[in-house]
Amino acid sequence: MAFAGQVGGRSATAADRERVASVDARSRTRQITRHREGCRDESAAKTPGQLRTCPTPVRLNVAISEQLLAAVDGRRGLEAADSLCEACVALLDIDAAAICLVFDGANAGMLGSSSAAARTYDELQFTIGEGPCLDSVVLRSPVLVADLADPDDNRWPAYGAALLGHHIRGVYAMPVVLAGEYVGALVLFRTHPGRPAQEQLAGAIAAADLVSMPLLDLMDSDLQAAVADPDSDAWAELNALGRAEVSQATGMVVAQLDIDPAEALVRVRAHAYATGRTAAEVARDIVDRRLRLEAD
């Protein structure tokens, strides 16, 4: 699956990046400014009723938003994405966070994470082929699961069971939008059940809005490399997010079993799920010729 210069299936140009970055920056500035202006008159309030124009949750949301923005300030690309995920863990009463990218209807790569555990949870989505990241993009809205152990909410039979095996009870996904296209999600995991508080939910939405910054950074640096040297390995950093080993292993299975790529990928994932491993681990064994999948 190609990441190179793709935004919603079309080529991204430097003008695209500048336009989207400008719009996103103005939107963030207006949002924070509105919150601040709503609180600005509190010190001058003459009556208790006037104080209600700036309720406590708004003050908390402003603080969270500013700390999230500080997490990406001065950082670029993958470093900024990881820092944003780490800030989510520190601020939003969660235990892990990951930013996944979706292309062609599949969980195609991970932009950032807060920890090795978060990377494992995201990899399970790809291996199993279901989960909050995919649902958030398809539905174009947040996905909130308060308790994966709730028998009345069984939307991800395999993925939910896998997360429970890792002691994860609550999962929340906020869609990531770039140039009007839903390209992924910020997924938050926690070990205790329950819905997020309003200020935490607002913080998660603000964090998802900020994901466009490191993603645009990667697109910009790779685009500049391509312009400067058409023969360079441009888009390398962005393409590196796309599970290259799985793609290579899928190609080998296509050649070995004479099947189409979609079926080959299903077989890689199925073998991983059946053996309790990740698709990446199985792919490495196939590429290194330690494993050969057999025809039915």
Protein backbone atom coordinates (compact mmCIF):
# COMPACT_ATOMS: atom_id res chain seq x y z
CA MET A 1 0.00 0.00 0.00
CA ALA A 2 1.60 3.23 -1.08
CA PHE A 3 1.87 6.14 1.28
CA ALA A 4 4.00 8.19 -1.07
CA GLY A 5 2.43 11.60 -1.45
CA GLN A 6 -1.07 10.24 -1.04
CA VAL A 7 -3.77 12.22 0.69
CA GLY A 8 -7.15 10.61 0.20
CA GLY A 9 -5.96 8.86 -2.97
CA ARG A 10 -4.49 11.92 -4.75
CA SER A 11 -1.02 13.42 -4.92
CA ALA A 12 -0.07 15.91 -2.21
CA THR A 13 1.81 19.02 -3.29
CA ALA A 14 3.71 21.61 -1.32
CA ALA A 15 0.76 23.96 -1.88
CA ASP A 16 -1.57 21.33 -0.38
CA ARG A 17 0.57 21.09 2.68
CA GLU A 18 0.81 24.81 3.18
CA ARG A 19 -2.94 25.24 2.72
CA VAL A 20 -3.87 22.43 5.12
CA ALA A 21 -1.29 23.48 7.70
CA SER A 22 -2.54 27.06 7.54
CA VAL A 23 -6.17 26.05 7.96
CA ASP A 24 -5.34 23.65 10.81
CA ALA A 25 -3.22 26.28 12.58
CA ARG A 26 -5.94 28.94 12.28
CA SER A 27 -8.56 26.47 13.53
CA ARG A 28 -6.46 25.53 16.57
CA THR A 29 -5.73 29.17 17.33
CA ARG A 30 -9.42 30.13 17.11
CA GLN A 31 -10.40 27.18 19.32
CA ILE A 32 -7.92 27.99 22.08
CA THR A 33 -8.63 31.72 21.80
CA ARG A 34 -12.38 31.11 22.20
CA HIS A 35 -11.76 29.09 25.36
CA ARG A 36 -9.45 31.75 26.74
CA GLU A 37 -11.87 34.58 25.96
CA GLY A 38 -14.64 32.66 27.68
CA CYS A 39 -12.54 32.65 30.86
CA ARG A 40 -11.02 36.11 30.50
CA ASP A 41 -13.82 37.98 32.23
CA GLU A 42 -13.99 35.67 35.25
CA SER A 43 -11.72 37.85 37.38
CA ALA A 44 -13.88 40.89 36.57
CA ALA A 45 -17.18 39.16 37.30
CA LYS A 46 -19.40 41.18 39.62
CA THR A 47 -21.91 38.50 40.51
CA PRO A 48 -21.80 34.72 41.08
CA GLY A 49 -23.95 34.29 37.98
CA GLN A 50 -21.27 35.83 35.81
CA LEU A 51 -18.78 33.23 37.00
CA ARG A 52 -20.85 30.50 35.35
CA THR A 53 -19.80 31.77 31.92
CA CYS A 54 -16.50 29.95 32.44
CA PRO A 55 -17.26 26.57 34.05
CA THR A 56 -14.49 24.42 35.49
CA PRO A 57 -14.48 21.82 32.65
CA VAL A 58 -13.60 24.58 30.15
CA ARG A 59 -10.62 25.67 32.22
CA LEU A 60 -9.44 22.07 32.39
CA ASN A 61 -9.86 21.61 28.64
CA VAL A 62 -7.76 24.71 27.94
CA ALA A 63 -4.99 23.43 30.19
CA ILE A 64 -5.05 19.99 28.57
CA SER A 65 -5.11 21.45 25.04
CA GLU A 66 -2.15 23.70 25.77
CA GLN A 67 -0.11 20.84 27.24
CA LEU A 68 -0.89 18.65 24.25
CA LEU A 69 0.20 21.43 21.92
CA ALA A 70 3.41 21.80 23.93
CA ALA A 71 4.09 18.08 23.40
CA VAL A 72 4.48 18.56 19.64
CA ASP A 73 5.95 22.07 19.74
CA GLY A 74 9.57 22.03 18.57
CA ARG A 75 9.38 18.38 17.47
CA ARG A 76 8.82 16.92 14.03
CA GLY A 77 7.56 13.75 12.41
CA LEU A 78 7.71 10.51 14.35
CA GLU A 79 9.25 12.17 17.43
CA ALA A 80 6.29 14.56 17.62
CA ALA A 81 3.81 11.73 17.17
CA ASP A 82 5.37 9.67 19.98
CA SER A 83 5.52 12.73 22.24
CA LEU A 84 1.83 13.45 21.61
CA CYS A 85 0.91 9.87 22.53
CA GLU A 86 2.99 10.08 25.72
CA ALA A 87 1.26 13.34 26.63
CA CYS A 88 -2.13 11.67 26.18
CA VAL A 89 -1.14 9.01 28.72
CA ALA A 90 -0.01 11.68 31.18
CA LEU A 91 -3.09 13.89 30.79
CA LEU A 92 -6.12 11.80 29.86
CA ASP A 93 -6.34 9.02 32.47
CA ILE A 94 -5.30 6.28 30.05
CA ASP A 95 -2.54 3.68 30.01
CA ALA A 96 -1.44 3.64 26.36
CA ALA A 97 -1.97 5.54 23.11
CA ALA A 98 -1.23 4.88 19.45
CA ILE A 99 -1.79 6.72 16.18
CA CYS A 100 -2.73 4.35 13.37
CA LEU A 101 -3.09 5.14 9.68
CA VAL A 102 -5.71 3.61 7.40
CA PHE A 103 -5.36 3.38 3.62
CA ASP A 104 -7.56 1.41 1.23
CA GLY A 105 -9.74 0.29 4.12
CA ALA A 106 -6.94 -1.41 6.05
CA ASN A 107 -4.88 -0.56 9.11
CA ALA A 108 -1.77 0.21 7.08
CA GLY A 109 0.73 1.62 9.56
CA MET A 110 1.45 3.26 12.90
CA LEU A 111 2.55 6.89 13.09
CA GLY A 112 3.27 7.07 16.81
CA SER A 113 2.85 5.32 20.15
CA SER A 114 3.37 5.85 23.85
CA SER A 115 5.05 2.52 24.56
CA ALA A 116 5.86 -0.96 23.34
CA ALA A 117 2.52 -2.11 24.79
CA ALA A 118 0.67 0.46 22.66
CA ARG A 119 2.48 -0.82 19.56
CA THR A 120 1.37 -4.35 20.42
CA TYR A 121 -2.28 -3.27 20.77
CA ASP A 122 -2.14 -1.53 17.38
CA GLU A 123 -0.41 -4.46 15.72
CA LEU A 124 -3.22 -6.71 16.94
CA GLN A 125 -5.72 -4.58 15.00
CA PHE A 126 -3.78 -5.22 11.81
CA THR A 127 -3.30 -8.92 12.53
CA ILE A 128 -6.95 -9.56 13.34
CA GLY A 129 -8.44 -7.09 10.85
CA GLU A 130 -10.87 -5.36 13.20
CA GLY A 131 -10.76 -2.74 15.89
CA PRO A 132 -11.39 0.88 16.89
CA CYS A 133 -9.06 2.50 14.35
CA LEU A 134 -10.81 0.97 11.36
CA ASP A 135 -14.27 1.63 12.81
CA SER A 136 -13.46 5.26 13.56
CA VAL A 137 -12.38 5.88 9.96
CA VAL A 138 -15.30 3.99 8.42
CA LEU A 139 -17.87 5.68 10.68
CA ARG A 140 -16.07 9.05 10.50
CA SER A 141 -16.67 9.59 14.19
CA PRO A 142 -15.21 8.77 17.62
CA VAL A 143 -15.59 5.20 18.85
CA LEU A 144 -15.97 4.77 22.61
CA VAL A 145 -16.05 1.38 24.32
CA ALA A 146 -16.39 1.73 28.08
CA ASP A 147 -15.88 -1.94 28.93
CA LEU A 148 -14.63 -4.65 26.58
CA ALA A 149 -15.83 -7.22 29.12
CA ASP A 150 -19.45 -6.08 28.72
CA PRO A 151 -21.30 -9.05 27.12
CA ASP A 152 -23.80 -6.66 25.52
CA ASP A 153 -21.05 -4.89 23.54
CA ASN A 154 -19.31 -7.49 21.42
CA ARG A 155 -18.40 -5.42 18.36
CA TRP A 156 -14.88 -6.91 18.03
CA PRO A 157 -15.11 -10.56 19.09
CA ALA A 158 -11.47 -11.41 18.34
CA TYR A 159 -9.80 -8.06 18.98
CA GLY A 160 -11.76 -7.43 22.17
CA ALA A 161 -10.76 -10.82 23.55
CA ALA A 162 -7.14 -10.17 22.61
CA LEU A 163 -7.11 -6.83 24.45
CA LEU A 164 -8.74 -8.37 27.51
CA GLY A 165 -5.86 -10.84 27.46
CA HIS A 166 -3.59 -7.83 27.84
CA HIS A 167 -5.76 -6.48 30.71
CA ILE A 168 -7.20 -3.61 28.62
CA ARG A 169 -10.83 -2.80 29.48
CA GLY A 170 -11.60 0.58 27.87
CA VAL A 171 -10.81 1.74 24.31
CA TYR A 172 -11.47 5.11 22.66
CA ALA A 173 -10.63 6.11 19.08
CA MET A 174 -10.71 9.64 17.67
CA PRO A 175 -10.54 9.99 13.87
CA VAL A 176 -7.61 11.81 12.29
CA VAL A 177 -8.61 14.08 9.41
CA LEU A 178 -6.16 15.48 6.87
CA ALA A 179 -7.26 17.72 3.98
CA GLY A 180 -10.85 16.62 4.60
CA GLU A 181 -10.00 12.91 4.39
CA TYR A 182 -10.25 10.44 7.27
CA VAL A 183 -6.78 8.87 7.25
CA GLY A 184 -6.48 7.20 10.65
CA ALA A 185 -7.23 7.47 14.33
CA LEU A 186 -5.75 8.24 17.71
CA VAL A 187 -6.57 5.18 19.81
CA LEU A 188 -6.49 5.37 23.61
CA PHE A 189 -6.37 2.31 25.86
CA ARG A 190 -6.89 1.93 29.58
CA THR A 191 -6.88 -0.93 32.03
CA HIS A 192 -10.01 0.10 33.92
CA PRO A 193 -13.55 0.31 32.52
CA GLY A 194 -15.68 3.42 32.26
CA ARG A 195 -16.44 6.27 29.91
CA PRO A 196 -13.98 9.18 29.77
CA ALA A 197 -14.84 12.36 31.63
CA GLN A 198 -15.90 15.32 29.49
CA GLU A 199 -12.58 17.14 29.85
CA GLN A 200 -10.69 13.96 28.94
CA LEU A 201 -12.87 13.43 25.89
CA ALA A 202 -12.31 17.02 24.81
CA GLY A 203 -8.58 16.51 25.28
CA ALA A 204 -8.64 13.37 23.15
CA ILE A 205 -10.40 15.23 20.34
CA ALA A 206 -7.84 18.05 20.58
CA ALA A 207 -5.00 15.52 20.45
CA ALA A 208 -6.45 13.89 17.33
CA ASP A 209 -6.59 17.33 15.69
CA LEU A 210 -2.88 17.78 16.43
CA VAL A 211 -1.92 14.52 14.69
CA SER A 212 -2.00 16.34 11.34
CA MET A 213 1.15 18.22 12.38
CA PRO A 214 3.61 15.27 12.52
CA LEU A 215 1.92 13.64 9.53
CA LEU A 216 2.32 16.79 7.45
CA ASP A 217 5.92 17.04 8.62
CA LEU A 218 6.67 13.58 7.22
CA MET A 219 4.95 14.38 3.93
CA ASP A 220 6.80 17.69 3.67
CA SER A 221 10.28 16.28 4.34
CA ASP A 222 9.78 13.45 1.87
CA LEU A 223 8.33 15.83 -0.73
CA GLN A 224 11.32 18.15 -0.40
CA ALA A 225 13.68 15.18 -0.83
CA ALA A 226 11.85 14.14 -4.00
CA VAL A 227 12.02 17.67 -5.44
CA ALA A 228 15.70 18.10 -4.57
CA ASP A 229 16.73 14.73 -6.01
CA PRO A 230 14.24 12.81 -8.16
CA ASP A 231 16.49 9.73 -7.95
CA SER A 232 16.58 9.74 -4.14
CA ASP A 233 14.76 7.29 -1.93
CA ALA A 234 12.04 9.87 -1.35
CA TRP A 235 9.04 9.03 0.81
CA ALA A 236 11.24 6.54 2.69
CA GLU A 237 10.22 7.73 6.16
CA LEU A 238 6.52 7.78 5.37
CA ASN A 239 6.64 4.47 3.51
CA ALA A 240 8.46 2.94 6.48
CA LEU A 241 5.21 3.22 8.42
CA GLY A 242 3.50 0.85 6.02
CA ARG A 243 4.48 -2.57 7.41
CA ALA A 244 7.03 -3.22 4.66
CA GLU A 245 7.89 -6.69 5.96
CA VAL A 246 4.25 -7.76 5.76
CA SER A 247 4.03 -6.50 2.18
CA GLN A 248 7.21 -8.37 1.26
CA ALA A 249 6.01 -11.58 2.92
CA THR A 250 2.64 -11.26 1.19
CA GLY A 251 4.43 -11.06 -2.15
CA MET A 252 6.41 -14.19 -1.35
CA VAL A 253 3.23 -16.09 -0.43
CA VAL A 254 1.65 -14.95 -3.72
CA ALA A 255 4.56 -16.47 -5.63
CA GLN A 256 4.74 -19.64 -3.55
CA LEU A 257 1.03 -20.51 -3.57
CA ASP A 258 -0.05 -18.85 -6.82
CA ILE A 259 -2.83 -16.87 -5.15
CA ASP A 260 -3.85 -13.22 -5.30
CA PRO A 261 -2.38 -10.67 -2.86
CA ALA A 262 -5.60 -10.26 -0.86
CA GLU A 263 -5.78 -13.98 -0.11
CA ALA A 264 -2.07 -14.09 0.65
CA LEU A 265 -2.44 -11.32 3.24
CA VAL A 266 -5.41 -13.12 4.80
CA ARG A 267 -3.28 -16.25 5.13
CA VAL A 268 -0.44 -14.35 6.81
CA ARG A 269 -2.88 -12.78 9.26
CA ALA A 270 -4.69 -16.07 9.88
CA HIS A 271 -1.43 -17.87 10.65
CA ALA A 272 -0.44 -15.09 13.04
CA TYR A 273 -3.79 -15.22 14.84
CA ALA A 274 -3.80 -19.02 15.04
CA THR A 275 -0.30 -19.12 16.53
CA GLY A 276 -0.77 -16.19 18.90
CA ARG A 277 1.78 -14.01 17.14
CA THR A 278 1.66 -10.69 15.33
CA ALA A 279 1.52 -10.41 11.56
CA ALA A 280 4.89 -8.64 11.63
CA GLU A 281 6.53 -11.56 13.46
CA VAL A 282 5.11 -14.08 11.00
CA ALA A 283 6.14 -11.87 8.08
CA ARG A 284 9.74 -11.75 9.33
CA ASP A 285 9.85 -15.55 9.49
CA ILE A 286 8.50 -15.79 5.93
CA VAL A 287 10.96 -13.23 4.58
CA ASP A 288 13.87 -14.94 6.37
CA ARG A 289 12.62 -18.28 5.01
CA ARG A 290 12.09 -19.79 8.44
CA LEU A 291 8.42 -20.30 7.61
CA ARG A 292 6.58 -21.35 4.48
CA LEU A 293 2.79 -21.30 4.42
CA GLU A 294 1.27 -24.38 2.86
CA ALA A 295 -1.58 -24.56 0.37
CA ASP A 296 -4.87 -25.95 1.66
